[in-house]
Amino acid sequence: MGQKAWILRMHILDKLAQRIEKANSLLCIGLDSRLDKIPQSFYSDPHPQFAFNRWIIEQTHTYTLAYKPNLAFYESVSGYQALEKTLAYLHEYHPDIVTIADAKRADIGSTNEGYVHSIFDELGFDAITLNPYLGYTALLPFLERKEKGCIILCRTSNVGADEFQNLIVEDRPLWQYVAERVSKHWNQYHNCMLVVGATQPSVLKQVRHIVGDMPILVPGIGAQGGDLAAVLLNGLDSQKRGIIINASRSIIFSENPAHQAQVLQQQINAYR
């Protein structure tokens, strides 16, 4: 097995650790490449979304731990082709960078088997975001892929999140129960992570206490207004890593994505 193939088959925690060390970065860039937001100059390419993604990767890969396409922006024939090309490009030229499918999948087990094949086998993502609402048994097709990352929604920062996530279950909010169940009962292959929004730093601190050094994906820095200092103060693990800090629009649609990525990487590292 060649080095590239070996890297692509690594356990998610090993791949994260190796890339953090190499790039000195906890930065994840969200490839939320909406067609109506892409500069017109990319429309001369037969695959404008892919051309834009490739340019963003070329500009920012030095500073990046992971890339996270939101699949909502690729759910068309041309979009799926762009996603395939983006993943193939990353596998070919940057196989050590972690790839996360922001899909928030959740369904019954047999349906999830189809999602597993599509996301992990066909597209080759390293990790996927998942919704815990259907429970452990339903998510087993994902969880049993021992080398792949299963990033479970825990406490999001969207308007309306309180409606369910703050419901009291066994004398504590539901998000605490999710954090405990995932870390203590679902993580037998050490491939689970959690999602906690950047606008919830006090929650992040409590989640970190519950899950120990389990990695946490933190969206919401940048356009959504999350406080980077508060996230790092409350979210870093015992090794001064353990969080994957995502920024999307504030980088990819900026005038200078390379500069924006470098600045954010440096700001993150200043707190480490």
Protein backbone atom coordinates (compact mmCIF):
# COMPACT_ATOMS: atom_id res chain seq x y z
CA MET A 1 0.00 0.00 0.00
CA GLY A 2 1.41 3.41 -1.01
CA GLN A 3 1.74 6.29 1.43
CA LYS A 4 -1.24 8.17 -0.06
CA ALA A 5 -3.53 5.15 0.25
CA TRP A 6 -2.26 4.53 3.77
CA ILE A 7 -3.04 8.11 4.81
CA LEU A 8 -6.56 7.85 3.38
CA ARG A 9 -7.19 4.71 5.48
CA MET A 10 -5.90 6.10 8.77
CA HIS A 11 -8.09 6.17 11.87
CA ILE A 12 -9.70 9.60 12.16
CA LEU A 13 -7.97 10.47 15.46
CA ASP A 14 -4.57 9.56 14.05
CA LYS A 15 -5.21 11.60 10.92
CA LEU A 16 -6.35 14.60 12.95
CA ALA A 17 -3.31 14.40 15.23
CA GLN A 18 -0.89 14.06 12.33
CA ARG A 19 -2.39 16.98 10.41
CA ILE A 20 -2.53 19.22 13.50
CA GLU A 21 1.16 18.58 14.02
CA LYS A 22 2.10 19.13 10.37
CA ALA A 23 0.03 22.27 9.75
CA ASN A 24 0.10 23.61 13.33
CA SER A 25 -3.58 24.32 12.86
CA LEU A 26 -7.02 23.70 14.36
CA LEU A 27 -8.72 25.54 11.49
CA CYS A 28 -11.45 23.93 9.42
CA ILE A 29 -12.66 25.75 6.31
CA GLY A 30 -16.25 25.23 5.28
CA LEU A 31 -16.56 24.86 1.51
CA ASP A 32 -20.08 26.33 1.46
CA SER A 33 -19.72 27.23 -2.20
CA ARG A 34 -23.14 28.57 -3.14
CA LEU A 35 -23.37 29.05 -6.88
CA ASP A 36 -24.99 32.47 -6.51
CA LYS A 37 -22.06 33.64 -4.36
CA ILE A 38 -19.19 32.37 -6.51
CA PRO A 39 -17.37 35.15 -8.43
CA GLN A 40 -18.36 35.34 -12.08
CA SER A 41 -14.81 34.61 -13.18
CA PHE A 42 -15.29 30.94 -12.26
CA TYR A 43 -18.30 30.51 -14.54
CA SER A 44 -16.06 30.13 -17.58
CA ASP A 45 -15.11 26.71 -16.21
CA PRO A 46 -17.44 23.76 -17.03
CA HIS A 47 -17.58 23.03 -13.28
CA PRO A 48 -17.61 26.44 -11.54
CA GLN A 49 -18.17 25.07 -8.02
CA PHE A 50 -15.20 22.75 -8.35
CA ALA A 51 -13.06 25.47 -9.92
CA PHE A 52 -13.88 27.76 -7.00
CA ASN A 53 -13.20 25.03 -4.42
CA ARG A 54 -9.89 24.16 -6.05
CA TRP A 55 -8.85 27.81 -5.94
CA ILE A 56 -9.83 28.09 -2.27
CA ILE A 57 -7.85 24.93 -1.47
CA GLU A 58 -4.83 26.21 -3.38
CA GLN A 59 -5.01 29.48 -1.42
CA THR A 60 -5.59 28.04 2.05
CA HIS A 61 -4.31 24.48 2.40
CA THR A 62 -1.12 25.53 4.19
CA TYR A 63 -3.16 26.84 7.13
CA THR A 64 -5.87 24.19 7.25
CA LEU A 65 -6.57 21.14 9.39
CA ALA A 66 -9.78 20.18 7.57
CA TYR A 67 -12.23 21.10 4.82
CA LYS A 68 -15.97 20.76 5.42
CA PRO A 69 -18.33 21.01 2.45
CA ASN A 70 -21.95 21.52 3.46
CA LEU A 71 -23.78 19.01 1.27
CA ALA A 72 -26.81 21.28 0.98
CA PHE A 73 -24.89 23.34 -1.56
CA TYR A 74 -24.11 20.30 -3.74
CA GLU A 75 -27.50 18.61 -4.01
CA SER A 76 -27.90 18.85 -7.77
CA VAL A 77 -26.40 16.91 -10.67
CA SER A 78 -23.70 19.51 -11.28
CA GLY A 79 -23.19 19.99 -7.55
CA TYR A 80 -22.57 16.31 -6.91
CA GLN A 81 -20.07 16.27 -9.76
CA ALA A 82 -18.31 19.26 -8.22
CA LEU A 83 -18.22 17.51 -4.85
CA GLU A 84 -16.74 14.35 -6.40
CA LYS A 85 -14.08 16.41 -8.15
CA THR A 86 -13.30 18.37 -4.97
CA LEU A 87 -12.77 15.19 -2.93
CA ALA A 88 -10.73 13.59 -5.71
CA TYR A 89 -8.55 16.71 -5.87
CA LEU A 90 -7.96 16.66 -2.12
CA HIS A 91 -7.16 12.93 -2.17
CA GLU A 92 -4.68 13.43 -4.97
CA TYR A 93 -2.86 16.56 -3.80
CA HIS A 94 -3.61 16.90 -0.06
CA PRO A 95 -4.50 13.43 1.26
CA ASP A 96 -3.40 14.33 4.79
CA ILE A 97 -6.04 17.08 5.17
CA VAL A 98 -9.17 15.84 6.98
CA THR A 99 -12.43 15.96 5.02
CA ILE A 100 -15.79 16.36 6.78
CA ALA A 101 -19.18 15.90 5.11
CA ASP A 102 -21.50 18.40 6.77
CA ALA A 103 -24.60 16.31 6.11
CA LYS A 104 -26.34 15.92 9.51
CA ARG A 105 -27.60 12.52 8.41
CA ALA A 106 -30.01 10.44 10.50
CA ASP A 107 -32.36 7.71 9.39
CA ILE A 108 -33.17 4.07 10.06
CA GLY A 109 -30.28 1.63 9.85
CA SER A 110 -30.89 0.24 6.35
CA THR A 111 -31.18 3.74 4.88
CA ASN A 112 -28.04 4.81 6.72
CA GLU A 113 -26.15 1.97 5.02
CA GLY A 114 -26.78 3.79 1.74
CA TYR A 115 -25.51 7.05 3.20
CA VAL A 116 -22.42 5.29 4.56
CA HIS A 117 -21.59 3.87 1.15
CA SER A 118 -22.11 7.23 -0.57
CA ILE A 119 -20.23 9.41 1.91
CA PHE A 120 -17.39 7.12 2.95
CA ASP A 121 -16.91 4.74 0.02
CA GLU A 122 -17.97 6.66 -3.07
CA LEU A 123 -16.88 10.17 -2.07
CA GLY A 124 -14.19 9.15 0.40
CA PHE A 125 -14.89 11.55 3.26
CA ASP A 126 -13.04 11.02 6.55
CA ALA A 127 -15.94 12.11 8.74
CA ILE A 128 -19.60 13.09 8.71
CA THR A 129 -21.92 15.14 10.91
CA LEU A 130 -24.84 13.13 12.32
CA ASN A 131 -28.10 13.80 14.13
CA PRO A 132 -28.56 11.69 17.29
CA TYR A 133 -32.37 11.84 17.36
CA LEU A 134 -32.94 8.30 16.01
CA GLY A 135 -30.57 6.81 18.57
CA TYR A 136 -27.55 4.53 18.75
CA THR A 137 -28.93 1.52 16.91
CA ALA A 138 -29.97 3.56 13.88
CA LEU A 139 -26.52 5.14 13.62
CA LEU A 140 -24.60 1.86 13.90
CA PRO A 141 -23.79 1.72 10.15
CA PHE A 142 -21.79 4.93 10.69
CA LEU A 143 -20.39 4.13 14.13
CA GLU A 144 -19.14 0.70 13.05
CA ARG A 145 -16.90 2.23 10.40
CA LYS A 146 -14.12 2.21 12.95
CA GLU A 147 -11.68 4.44 11.08
CA LYS A 148 -14.24 7.14 10.14
CA GLY A 149 -15.31 10.13 12.22
CA CYS A 150 -18.89 10.37 13.49
CA ILE A 151 -19.52 13.97 14.55
CA ILE A 152 -22.75 14.07 16.56
CA LEU A 153 -24.85 17.22 16.96
CA CYS A 154 -24.86 18.15 20.65
CA ARG A 155 -25.59 21.85 21.21
CA THR A 156 -26.09 24.01 18.14
CA SER A 157 -26.33 27.79 18.09
CA ASN A 158 -29.14 28.31 15.58
CA VAL A 159 -32.29 30.21 16.44
CA GLY A 160 -34.76 27.72 17.88
CA ALA A 161 -32.15 25.23 19.13
CA ASP A 162 -33.46 25.59 22.68
CA GLU A 163 -36.81 24.06 21.73
CA PHE A 164 -35.45 20.53 22.09
CA GLN A 165 -31.80 20.78 23.11
CA ASN A 166 -32.55 22.48 26.43
CA LEU A 167 -35.37 20.13 27.43
CA ILE A 168 -34.71 18.64 30.86
CA VAL A 169 -33.95 14.91 30.81
CA GLU A 170 -33.05 13.23 34.10
CA ASP A 171 -32.55 16.62 35.77
CA ARG A 172 -30.26 18.04 33.08
CA PRO A 173 -30.62 19.56 29.62
CA LEU A 174 -30.84 17.16 26.70
CA TRP A 175 -27.54 18.35 25.21
CA GLN A 176 -25.73 17.19 28.37
CA TYR A 177 -27.38 13.81 28.09
CA VAL A 178 -26.29 13.57 24.42
CA ALA A 179 -22.70 14.47 25.33
CA GLU A 180 -22.59 11.82 28.02
CA ARG A 181 -24.26 9.08 25.96
CA VAL A 182 -21.99 9.64 22.97
CA SER A 183 -18.77 9.83 24.97
CA LYS A 184 -19.53 7.02 27.42
CA HIS A 185 -21.63 4.57 25.37
CA TRP A 186 -21.32 5.25 21.62
CA ASN A 187 -17.57 5.75 21.37
CA GLN A 188 -16.30 2.17 21.60
CA TYR A 189 -14.11 2.65 18.51
CA HIS A 190 -12.90 6.12 19.59
CA ASN A 191 -14.29 7.61 16.40
CA CYS A 192 -16.98 9.87 17.88
CA MET A 193 -16.89 13.65 18.16
CA LEU A 194 -19.48 16.31 19.00
CA VAL A 195 -20.75 19.55 17.48
CA VAL A 196 -21.05 22.56 19.80
CA GLY A 197 -21.71 26.03 18.38
CA ALA A 198 -19.16 28.79 18.93
CA THR A 199 -21.84 31.10 20.32
CA GLN A 200 -22.25 28.77 23.32
CA PRO A 201 -18.86 29.00 25.13
CA SER A 202 -20.27 28.19 28.58
CA VAL A 203 -21.90 25.07 27.12
CA LEU A 204 -18.62 24.20 25.42
CA LYS A 205 -16.87 24.31 28.79
CA GLN A 206 -19.40 21.90 30.28
CA VAL A 207 -19.22 19.57 27.28
CA ARG A 208 -15.43 19.49 27.55
CA HIS A 209 -15.75 18.50 31.21
CA ILE A 210 -18.14 15.67 30.29
CA VAL A 211 -16.24 14.21 27.32
CA GLY A 212 -12.61 14.66 28.33
CA ASP A 213 -10.31 14.89 25.31
CA MET A 214 -12.91 13.88 22.69
CA PRO A 215 -12.64 16.21 19.67
CA ILE A 216 -15.34 18.86 19.27
CA LEU A 217 -16.28 20.55 16.01
CA VAL A 218 -17.07 24.21 16.65
CA PRO A 219 -18.89 26.07 13.86
CA GLY A 220 -19.89 29.70 14.11
CA ILE A 221 -16.60 31.64 14.12
CA GLY A 222 -16.60 34.50 11.64
CA ALA A 223 -19.88 35.40 9.96
CA GLN A 224 -21.97 33.92 12.79
CA GLY A 225 -20.18 35.99 15.42
CA GLY A 226 -18.66 33.38 17.72
CA ASP A 227 -16.06 34.63 20.21
CA LEU A 228 -12.77 32.93 19.31
CA ALA A 229 -11.08 33.66 22.63
CA ALA A 230 -14.02 32.24 24.61
CA VAL A 231 -14.12 29.14 22.40
CA LEU A 232 -10.44 28.42 22.94
CA LEU A 233 -10.53 29.20 26.65
CA ASN A 234 -13.40 26.77 27.18
CA GLY A 235 -12.86 24.18 24.47
CA LEU A 236 -9.20 23.17 24.27
CA ASP A 237 -8.41 19.72 25.63
CA SER A 238 -5.56 18.70 27.92
CA GLN A 239 -3.14 18.72 24.96
CA LYS A 240 -4.13 22.25 23.86
CA ARG A 241 -6.00 20.93 20.84
CA GLY A 242 -9.21 18.83 20.66
CA ILE A 243 -11.33 21.43 18.88
CA ILE A 244 -11.89 21.85 15.16
CA ILE A 245 -12.76 25.50 14.59
CA ASN A 246 -14.81 26.03 11.46
CA ALA A 247 -15.06 29.23 9.46
CA SER A 248 -16.80 29.32 6.09
CA ARG A 249 -18.12 32.50 4.51
CA SER A 250 -15.69 34.79 6.33
CA ILE A 251 -12.83 33.04 4.52
CA ILE A 252 -14.05 31.67 1.20
CA PHE A 253 -15.93 34.81 0.13
CA SER A 254 -13.33 37.27 1.43
CA GLU A 255 -11.16 39.32 -0.90
CA ASN A 256 -8.08 37.38 0.18
CA PRO A 257 -8.88 33.87 1.45
CA ALA A 258 -5.21 33.00 2.01
CA HIS A 259 -4.71 36.01 4.25
CA GLN A 260 -7.94 35.42 6.16
CA ALA A 261 -7.05 31.76 6.76
CA GLN A 262 -3.53 32.61 7.89
CA VAL A 263 -4.75 35.32 10.28
CA LEU A 264 -7.33 33.00 11.85
CA GLN A 265 -4.81 30.17 12.17
CA GLN A 266 -2.40 32.54 13.92
CA GLN A 267 -5.11 33.90 16.21
CA ILE A 268 -6.06 30.37 17.22
CA ASN A 269 -2.46 29.40 17.88
CA ALA A 270 -1.88 32.49 20.01
CA TYR A 271 -4.23 30.94 22.59
CA ARG A 272 -2.64 27.49 22.43
